[in-house]
Amino acid sequence: MYLFYFLSAIVIWLGINSVRDGLRFARFVHSEVTKPLPDFTPFVSVIAPCRGLDQGLRDNLVTLFRQDYPNYEIVFVTDQDDDPSLTVIGELIRSETQANQISTRIVISGPATDCGQKVHNLRVAVKEIDSRTEVLVFVDADCHPGTDWLRSLVAPLRAENVGAATGYRWFIPERRGFASHLCSVWNASIASALGPNVDKNFCWGGSTAIRRETLERLNIRQHWQGTVSDDFTITRVLKSAGLPIHFVPRCLTASLEDCSAHELLEFSTRQLKITRTYASHLWKAVLIGSLLFCLVFFGGIGLFVARLALGESILIAAAILLLIFGLGVAKAHIRFRAVETVLAQHSRELRRTRLAHLFLWPIASALYLWNAIAAAFSSRIEWRGIIYELKSPTEAVIINRSYRSHRSHRSYKK
């Protein structure tokens, strides 16, 4: 019992700190979204790697043509000239380019040999951008940004000492499946890790803006060689150069998708395998933190049931469980309210997920533990029909390439 009380004290202390972090996140979001955007609109190349048919692909890509931004081009890049996404892209170019006067181009990168396919696509695409380009923006095909996304993402780069600006995604289930809701809750904890502390921020490949001069000066294209994680690599290079990463709450981007239990396990475990390879200190923190929580919370439930069955006092166990759960609910509520202010256009869909965020977070913690343990025993991942062996942060081996024309699921890499 004394060991249980000791571990409980640690978990409660971590829970209090987590609530404080949530309050800091909420204050930062409020301060950022109320700031006027500067008049900073350099020519931008938006690079959108595509492979297969994501859920809502057309609805996602059409938002790229309708940005409230005066000077930009869209570079679509895929590895094969018969990729199903090209049909959707072609239709959008014909219907949207003339109406919105957006310059577009399609780049066929070919198959990757010495790095991840998405990374290979980016390495090829950055060589094809317009000569006028001052800022590059990377966006995933499963994101659904608002009309002010591009202007907001580029704005922090007005300060030349900023290495990159980044957004993040927020999963919103289109239907009400348990796995889809759990995926949203699982992902949410990462969103609130971003904020005012630039030392803790990281680039997310689904919405990252970087100056062309910075990309070329730091030789990021060369650093990408041999990797699967474009965003982990950019983060590492920028931090090594002492350049801050600015999180842009306005660029918290909705991703309206559903997933099955199998897809959730595949996606979440893949992220932890990538994390273990590229940021082992984060993987260790997840492993230790989720293990400690599960031992106390789920072990406490077992203790509560056992003492109840034996007719012994349950007051202390019940108080500990309620306090831990209450702290988690408070953090989830604070984070959710902050996100609602950013994703107001999705308020109806968000309301359907509120209860999941308030009550499913302990299960998400258990899922993190499963992911972290699985990552300890395997570094092999499957991503958009390609199987990789993650040898090291600078070496990824393609084991098998089986192109699949049906939709591929998640592409985010923590």
Protein backbone atom coordinates (compact mmCIF):
# COMPACT_ATOMS: atom_id res chain seq x y z
CA MET A 1 0.00 0.00 0.00
CA TYR A 2 2.84 2.41 0.80
CA LEU A 3 4.29 1.84 -2.66
CA PHE A 4 0.88 2.54 -4.16
CA TYR A 5 0.58 5.77 -2.19
CA PHE A 6 4.07 6.85 -3.24
CA LEU A 7 3.41 6.20 -6.92
CA SER A 8 0.02 7.88 -6.60
CA ALA A 9 1.67 11.01 -5.21
CA ILE A 10 3.94 11.14 -8.27
CA VAL A 11 1.01 10.71 -10.66
CA ILE A 12 -1.01 13.40 -8.86
CA TRP A 13 1.96 15.77 -8.99
CA LEU A 14 2.33 15.09 -12.72
CA GLY A 15 -1.40 15.65 -13.14
CA ILE A 16 -1.22 19.05 -11.44
CA ASN A 17 1.67 20.06 -13.69
CA SER A 18 -0.30 18.83 -16.68
CA VAL A 19 -3.22 21.09 -15.77
CA ARG A 20 -0.81 24.01 -15.45
CA ASP A 21 0.58 23.20 -18.89
CA GLY A 22 -2.99 23.13 -20.21
CA LEU A 23 -3.65 26.59 -18.80
CA ARG A 24 -0.44 27.90 -20.39
CA PHE A 25 -1.50 26.35 -23.69
CA ALA A 26 -4.94 27.96 -23.48
CA ARG A 27 -3.49 31.40 -22.66
CA PHE A 28 -1.03 31.12 -25.52
CA VAL A 29 -3.76 30.12 -27.97
CA HIS A 30 -5.93 33.05 -26.89
CA SER A 31 -3.09 35.57 -27.15
CA GLU A 32 -2.02 34.32 -30.59
CA VAL A 33 -5.45 34.17 -32.23
CA THR A 34 -6.30 37.70 -31.08
CA LYS A 35 -3.15 39.24 -32.56
CA PRO A 36 -3.54 41.00 -35.92
CA LEU A 37 -1.62 39.34 -38.72
CA PRO A 38 1.34 41.33 -40.06
CA ASP A 39 1.41 42.47 -43.66
CA PHE A 40 4.00 39.87 -44.66
CA THR A 41 3.20 37.97 -47.85
CA PRO A 42 6.36 36.85 -49.68
CA PHE A 43 5.99 34.48 -52.61
CA VAL A 44 5.36 30.97 -51.28
CA SER A 45 5.65 27.49 -52.74
CA VAL A 46 3.13 25.16 -51.09
CA ILE A 47 4.39 21.58 -51.51
CA ALA A 48 1.72 18.91 -51.18
CA PRO A 49 2.96 15.30 -51.39
CA CYS A 50 0.18 12.87 -52.34
CA ARG A 51 -0.09 9.09 -52.57
CA GLY A 52 -3.34 7.19 -52.97
CA LEU A 53 -6.79 8.43 -52.03
CA ASP A 54 -7.12 9.84 -48.52
CA GLN A 55 -10.54 10.31 -47.01
CA GLY A 56 -11.95 13.61 -48.26
CA LEU A 57 -8.96 14.21 -50.55
CA ARG A 58 -10.78 16.57 -52.90
CA ASP A 59 -12.27 18.63 -50.07
CA ASN A 60 -8.84 18.89 -48.45
CA LEU A 61 -6.93 19.89 -51.59
CA VAL A 62 -9.50 22.44 -52.75
CA THR A 63 -8.72 24.50 -49.63
CA LEU A 64 -5.18 25.01 -50.93
CA PHE A 65 -6.59 26.87 -53.96
CA ARG A 66 -8.76 29.16 -51.83
CA GLN A 67 -6.25 30.71 -49.46
CA ASP A 68 -6.48 34.38 -48.56
CA TYR A 69 -2.95 34.97 -49.80
CA PRO A 70 -1.81 36.99 -52.83
CA ASN A 71 1.38 35.31 -54.04
CA TYR A 72 1.84 31.56 -54.04
CA GLU A 73 2.07 28.41 -56.11
CA ILE A 74 1.02 24.84 -55.34
CA VAL A 75 3.41 22.02 -56.15
CA PHE A 76 1.75 18.60 -56.08
CA VAL A 77 4.23 15.75 -55.92
CA THR A 78 3.68 12.00 -56.12
CA ASP A 79 5.88 9.05 -56.98
CA GLN A 80 3.97 7.57 -59.94
CA ASP A 81 2.27 9.08 -62.96
CA ASP A 82 -0.72 6.76 -62.49
CA ASP A 83 -1.32 7.60 -58.83
CA PRO A 84 -5.10 7.86 -58.19
CA SER A 85 -4.63 11.23 -56.50
CA LEU A 86 -3.62 12.75 -59.84
CA THR A 87 -7.16 12.39 -61.17
CA VAL A 88 -8.46 14.50 -58.29
CA ILE A 89 -5.60 16.97 -58.63
CA GLY A 90 -6.17 17.34 -62.36
CA GLU A 91 -9.87 18.06 -61.89
CA LEU A 92 -9.09 20.70 -59.27
CA ILE A 93 -6.46 22.38 -61.41
CA ARG A 94 -8.96 22.66 -64.27
CA SER A 95 -11.79 23.96 -62.09
CA GLU A 96 -9.92 26.11 -59.57
CA THR A 97 -6.81 27.54 -61.23
CA GLN A 98 -8.59 29.92 -63.56
CA ALA A 99 -11.07 31.10 -60.93
CA ASN A 100 -8.40 31.70 -58.28
CA GLN A 101 -5.43 32.48 -60.55
CA ILE A 102 -3.12 30.13 -58.65
CA SER A 103 0.00 28.79 -60.30
CA THR A 104 0.25 24.99 -60.03
CA ARG A 105 2.57 22.26 -61.14
CA ILE A 106 2.73 18.48 -60.80
CA VAL A 107 6.01 16.72 -60.05
CA ILE A 108 6.51 12.96 -60.50
CA SER A 109 9.32 12.01 -58.14
CA GLY A 110 9.74 8.31 -58.94
CA PRO A 111 10.22 5.61 -56.31
CA ALA A 112 12.41 6.23 -53.28
CA THR A 113 15.56 4.17 -52.82
CA ASP A 114 17.49 5.59 -49.88
CA CYS A 115 14.81 7.32 -47.77
CA GLY A 116 11.09 7.37 -47.04
CA GLN A 117 8.83 7.94 -50.04
CA LYS A 118 7.38 11.18 -48.66
CA VAL A 119 10.86 12.47 -47.86
CA HIS A 120 11.99 11.54 -51.37
CA ASN A 121 9.00 13.41 -52.80
CA LEU A 122 9.95 16.51 -50.84
CA ARG A 123 13.61 16.29 -51.84
CA VAL A 124 12.60 16.24 -55.49
CA ALA A 125 9.88 18.90 -55.17
CA VAL A 126 12.09 21.53 -53.49
CA LYS A 127 14.28 21.50 -56.60
CA GLU A 128 11.28 22.37 -58.78
CA ILE A 129 9.96 25.44 -56.99
CA ASP A 130 9.56 28.86 -58.58
CA SER A 131 12.64 31.11 -58.73
CA ARG A 132 10.62 33.81 -56.92
CA THR A 133 9.99 31.62 -53.89
CA GLU A 134 11.07 33.04 -50.53
CA VAL A 135 9.17 30.64 -48.25
CA LEU A 136 8.37 26.94 -48.59
CA VAL A 137 5.29 25.45 -46.95
CA PHE A 138 4.77 21.71 -46.56
CA VAL A 139 1.23 20.36 -46.19
CA ASP A 140 -0.24 16.86 -45.92
CA ALA A 141 -3.06 15.75 -48.20
CA ASP A 142 -5.27 14.69 -45.29
CA CYS A 143 -5.41 18.18 -43.76
CA HIS A 144 -8.31 20.58 -44.16
CA PRO A 145 -6.96 24.09 -43.52
CA GLY A 146 -9.01 27.27 -43.30
CA THR A 147 -8.70 30.20 -45.69
CA ASP A 148 -6.27 32.10 -43.42
CA TRP A 149 -4.00 29.10 -42.88
CA LEU A 150 -1.25 30.11 -45.30
CA ARG A 151 -1.09 33.76 -44.24
CA SER A 152 -1.02 32.73 -40.56
CA LEU A 153 1.65 30.09 -41.06
CA VAL A 154 3.98 32.38 -42.98
CA ALA A 155 3.52 35.40 -40.66
CA PRO A 156 6.02 34.37 -37.91
CA LEU A 157 8.81 34.19 -40.52
CA ARG A 158 8.70 37.96 -40.72
CA ALA A 159 11.19 37.72 -37.85
CA GLU A 160 14.33 36.45 -39.55
CA ASN A 161 15.57 34.72 -36.39
CA VAL A 162 12.61 32.27 -36.48
CA GLY A 163 13.71 28.95 -37.94
CA ALA A 164 10.27 27.66 -38.90
CA ALA A 165 6.59 28.05 -38.14
CA THR A 166 4.37 25.05 -37.56
CA GLY A 167 0.77 24.10 -37.04
CA TYR A 168 -0.66 20.80 -35.91
CA ARG A 169 -3.67 18.64 -36.59
CA TRP A 170 -6.80 17.86 -34.63
CA PHE A 171 -8.64 14.69 -35.58
CA ILE A 172 -12.41 15.01 -35.84
CA PRO A 173 -14.32 11.77 -36.49
CA GLU A 174 -16.92 12.05 -39.23
CA ARG A 175 -18.93 9.27 -37.62
CA ARG A 176 -19.08 8.13 -34.00
CA GLY A 177 -16.94 5.02 -33.94
CA PHE A 178 -15.06 4.29 -30.73
CA ALA A 179 -11.69 3.86 -32.49
CA SER A 180 -12.05 7.19 -34.31
CA HIS A 181 -12.84 9.02 -31.08
CA LEU A 182 -9.96 7.32 -29.29
CA CYS A 183 -7.63 8.35 -32.11
CA SER A 184 -8.67 11.97 -31.62
CA VAL A 185 -8.05 11.78 -27.87
CA TRP A 186 -4.71 9.98 -28.36
CA ASN A 187 -3.53 12.69 -30.75
CA ALA A 188 -4.82 15.60 -28.65
CA SER A 189 -2.19 15.26 -25.94
CA ILE A 190 0.51 16.03 -28.50
CA ALA A 191 -1.27 19.20 -29.64
CA SER A 192 -1.11 20.82 -26.21
CA ALA A 193 2.60 20.00 -25.92
CA LEU A 194 3.17 22.85 -28.38
CA GLY A 195 3.03 26.43 -27.19
CA PRO A 196 5.06 29.42 -25.99
CA ASN A 197 8.16 27.41 -25.07
CA VAL A 198 10.01 27.33 -28.39
CA ASP A 199 12.57 24.90 -26.97
CA LYS A 200 9.85 22.23 -26.73
CA ASN A 201 8.17 22.94 -30.06
CA PHE A 202 8.66 20.68 -33.05
CA CYS A 203 7.86 20.91 -36.73
CA TRP A 204 4.85 18.99 -37.96
CA GLY A 205 5.17 17.97 -41.60
CA GLY A 206 1.49 18.58 -42.26
CA SER A 207 1.86 22.35 -41.78
CA THR A 208 5.38 23.74 -41.69
CA ALA A 209 6.72 26.97 -43.18
CA ILE A 210 10.43 27.68 -43.56
CA ARG A 211 12.40 30.33 -45.40
CA ARG A 212 14.07 29.13 -48.57
CA GLU A 213 17.31 30.71 -47.38
CA THR A 214 17.15 28.73 -44.13
CA LEU A 215 16.39 25.45 -45.91
CA GLU A 216 19.34 25.92 -48.26
CA ARG A 217 21.78 27.34 -45.71
CA LEU A 218 21.21 24.45 -43.30
CA ASN A 219 21.30 21.95 -46.17
CA ILE A 220 18.07 20.32 -45.00
CA ARG A 221 17.58 18.52 -48.30
CA GLN A 222 20.85 16.67 -47.71
CA HIS A 223 19.90 15.94 -44.09
CA TRP A 224 16.71 14.30 -45.38
CA GLN A 225 18.71 11.63 -47.19
CA GLY A 226 18.34 8.26 -45.49
CA THR A 227 15.43 9.31 -43.28
CA VAL A 228 11.73 8.50 -43.10
CA SER A 229 10.77 11.46 -40.91
CA ASP A 230 10.84 14.81 -42.70
CA ASP A 231 9.62 16.78 -39.68
CA PHE A 232 11.80 15.16 -37.04
CA THR A 233 14.79 15.89 -39.28
CA ILE A 234 13.88 19.56 -39.78
CA THR A 235 13.32 19.89 -36.03
CA ARG A 236 16.71 18.38 -35.22
CA VAL A 237 18.57 20.56 -37.73
CA LEU A 238 16.88 23.77 -36.56
CA LYS A 239 17.52 23.02 -32.90
CA SER A 240 21.17 22.24 -33.66
CA ALA A 241 21.41 25.64 -35.36
CA GLY A 242 19.78 27.36 -32.40
CA LEU A 243 16.79 28.54 -34.44
CA PRO A 244 13.39 28.61 -32.67
CA ILE A 245 10.24 26.91 -33.96
CA HIS A 246 7.10 29.01 -33.60
CA PHE A 247 3.79 27.22 -33.04
CA VAL A 248 0.86 28.95 -34.78
CA PRO A 249 -2.47 28.12 -33.07
CA ARG A 250 -4.39 29.54 -36.05
CA CYS A 251 -2.86 26.69 -38.05
CA LEU A 252 -4.32 23.99 -35.84
CA THR A 253 -5.87 22.09 -38.72
CA ALA A 254 -8.92 19.86 -38.75
CA SER A 255 -8.48 16.37 -40.13
CA LEU A 256 -11.92 14.83 -40.66
CA GLU A 257 -11.41 11.07 -40.77
CA ASP A 258 -12.56 7.77 -39.36
CA CYS A 259 -10.50 4.72 -38.57
CA SER A 260 -10.97 1.15 -37.48
CA ALA A 261 -9.38 -0.35 -34.37
CA HIS A 262 -6.77 -2.03 -36.55
CA GLU A 263 -5.93 1.25 -38.30
CA LEU A 264 -5.66 3.04 -34.96
CA LEU A 265 -3.22 0.47 -33.60
CA GLU A 266 -1.19 0.55 -36.80
CA PHE A 267 -1.06 4.35 -36.88
CA SER A 268 -0.32 4.96 -33.20
CA THR A 269 2.32 2.23 -32.95
CA ARG A 270 4.02 3.49 -36.10
CA GLN A 271 4.33 6.94 -34.55
CA LEU A 272 6.03 5.54 -31.45
CA LYS A 273 8.39 3.44 -33.56
CA ILE A 274 9.37 6.55 -35.49
CA THR A 275 9.72 8.47 -32.23
CA ARG A 276 11.98 5.80 -30.75
CA THR A 277 14.24 5.99 -33.81
CA TYR A 278 14.41 9.77 -34.17
CA ALA A 279 13.85 11.03 -30.60
CA SER A 280 14.50 8.20 -28.17
CA HIS A 281 14.29 10.53 -25.16
CA LEU A 282 10.66 11.27 -26.03
CA TRP A 283 9.90 7.57 -26.45
CA LYS A 284 11.40 6.85 -23.01
CA ALA A 285 9.31 9.62 -21.47
CA VAL A 286 6.15 8.18 -23.01
CA LEU A 287 7.04 4.67 -21.85
CA ILE A 288 7.79 5.68 -18.26
CA GLY A 289 4.93 8.16 -17.96
CA SER A 290 2.25 5.87 -19.36
CA LEU A 291 3.55 2.88 -17.37
CA LEU A 292 3.42 4.87 -14.14
CA PHE A 293 -0.07 6.15 -14.86
CA CYS A 294 -1.45 2.72 -15.79
CA LEU A 295 0.07 1.09 -12.72
CA VAL A 296 -1.54 3.65 -10.43
CA PHE A 297 -4.86 4.28 -12.15
CA PHE A 298 -5.80 0.83 -13.40
CA GLY A 299 -4.01 -0.83 -10.49
CA GLY A 300 -5.95 1.49 -8.20
CA ILE A 301 -9.21 0.35 -9.77
CA GLY A 302 -8.19 -3.25 -9.08
CA LEU A 303 -7.28 -2.32 -5.50
CA PHE A 304 -10.60 -0.54 -5.05
CA VAL A 305 -12.54 -3.58 -6.26
CA ALA A 306 -10.49 -5.98 -4.11
CA ARG A 307 -10.92 -3.95 -0.91
CA LEU A 308 -14.61 -3.51 -1.62
CA ALA A 309 -15.01 -7.26 -2.03
CA LEU A 310 -13.13 -7.88 1.21
CA GLY A 311 -15.19 -5.32 3.11
CA GLU A 312 -12.17 -3.12 3.81
CA SER A 313 -12.04 0.69 3.67
CA ILE A 314 -12.08 2.11 0.16
CA LEU A 315 -12.08 5.82 0.98
CA ILE A 316 -8.39 6.51 0.33
CA ALA A 317 -8.31 4.48 -2.88
CA ALA A 318 -11.50 6.15 -4.10
CA ALA A 319 -10.16 9.63 -3.28
CA ILE A 320 -6.91 8.97 -5.13
CA LEU A 321 -8.73 7.66 -8.21
CA LEU A 322 -11.18 10.56 -8.25
CA LEU A 323 -8.39 13.12 -7.89
CA ILE A 324 -6.32 11.62 -10.70
CA PHE A 325 -9.34 11.33 -12.95
CA GLY A 326 -10.50 14.85 -12.08
CA LEU A 327 -7.11 16.33 -12.98
CA GLY A 328 -7.19 14.54 -16.33
CA VAL A 329 -10.71 15.77 -17.05
CA ALA A 330 -9.67 19.33 -16.15
CA LYS A 331 -6.71 19.20 -18.54
CA ALA A 332 -8.86 17.75 -21.33
CA HIS A 333 -11.55 20.41 -20.78
CA ILE A 334 -9.07 23.30 -20.84
CA ARG A 335 -7.41 21.99 -23.99
CA PHE A 336 -10.72 21.32 -25.72
CA ARG A 337 -12.07 24.81 -25.01
CA ALA A 338 -8.90 26.35 -26.42
CA VAL A 339 -9.18 24.27 -29.58
CA GLU A 340 -12.83 25.24 -30.00
CA THR A 341 -11.82 28.88 -30.37
CA VAL A 342 -9.49 28.00 -33.24
CA LEU A 343 -11.72 25.49 -35.04
CA ALA A 344 -14.95 27.44 -34.68
CA GLN A 345 -16.00 26.49 -38.21
CA HIS A 346 -16.12 22.87 -37.03
CA SER A 347 -17.99 23.62 -33.79
CA ARG A 348 -20.84 21.21 -34.54
CA GLU A 349 -18.49 18.31 -35.25
CA LEU A 350 -16.36 19.17 -32.23
CA ARG A 351 -19.33 19.11 -29.87
CA ARG A 352 -19.90 15.47 -30.78
CA THR A 353 -16.40 14.63 -29.52
CA ARG A 354 -16.43 16.52 -26.21
CA LEU A 355 -17.40 13.56 -24.01
CA ALA A 356 -14.78 11.36 -25.66
CA HIS A 357 -12.05 13.87 -24.78
CA LEU A 358 -13.27 14.15 -21.22
CA PHE A 359 -13.59 10.45 -20.49
CA LEU A 360 -11.42 8.41 -22.87
CA TRP A 361 -8.05 9.87 -21.94
CA PRO A 362 -7.16 7.02 -19.49
CA ILE A 363 -7.66 4.52 -22.32
CA ALA A 364 -5.50 6.69 -24.56
CA SER A 365 -2.78 6.51 -21.90
CA ALA A 366 -3.03 2.71 -21.92
CA LEU A 367 -2.76 2.79 -25.71
CA TYR A 368 0.41 4.90 -25.43
CA LEU A 369 1.88 2.24 -23.15
CA TRP A 370 1.05 -0.49 -25.67
CA ASN A 371 2.58 1.59 -28.48
CA ALA A 372 5.76 2.30 -26.53
CA ILE A 373 6.26 -1.36 -25.57
CA ALA A 374 5.63 -2.47 -29.17
CA ALA A 375 8.18 0.07 -30.38
CA ALA A 376 10.78 -1.44 -28.04
CA PHE A 377 10.66 -4.75 -29.90
CA SER A 378 10.36 -3.70 -33.53
CA SER A 379 11.52 -0.88 -35.80
CA ARG A 380 9.64 -2.07 -38.86
CA ILE A 381 6.75 0.10 -40.07
CA GLU A 382 4.29 0.11 -42.95
CA TRP A 383 3.38 3.49 -44.32
CA ARG A 384 1.22 4.07 -47.40
CA GLY A 385 1.86 0.63 -48.81
CA ILE A 386 5.64 0.60 -48.22
CA ILE A 387 7.37 -1.40 -45.49
CA TYR A 388 10.47 0.20 -43.94
CA GLU A 389 13.09 -0.98 -41.48
CA LEU A 390 14.25 1.98 -39.40
CA LYS A 391 17.92 1.24 -38.85
CA SER A 392 18.91 4.62 -37.41
CA PRO A 393 17.99 8.31 -37.71
CA THR A 394 20.00 8.43 -40.94
CA GLU A 395 19.22 5.02 -42.43
CA ALA A 396 15.87 3.58 -43.49
CA VAL A 397 15.68 0.44 -45.61
CA ILE A 398 12.73 -0.26 -47.91
CA ILE A 399 11.74 -3.89 -47.32
CA ASN A 400 8.74 -4.12 -49.60
CA ARG A 401 6.77 -1.83 -51.86
CA SER A 402 3.19 -2.92 -52.56
CA TYR A 403 1.33 0.00 -54.10
CA ARG A 404 -2.27 0.18 -52.96
CA SER A 405 -4.81 2.26 -54.83
CA HIS A 406 -7.28 2.40 -51.96
CA ARG A 407 -6.98 5.18 -49.42
CA SER A 408 -3.97 5.18 -47.17
CA HIS A 409 -4.59 6.19 -43.59
CA ARG A 410 -2.52 8.44 -41.37
CA SER A 411 0.67 10.17 -42.45
CA TYR A 412 1.54 12.15 -39.29
CA LYS A 413 4.88 11.47 -37.62
CA LYS A 414 5.15 12.64 -34.06
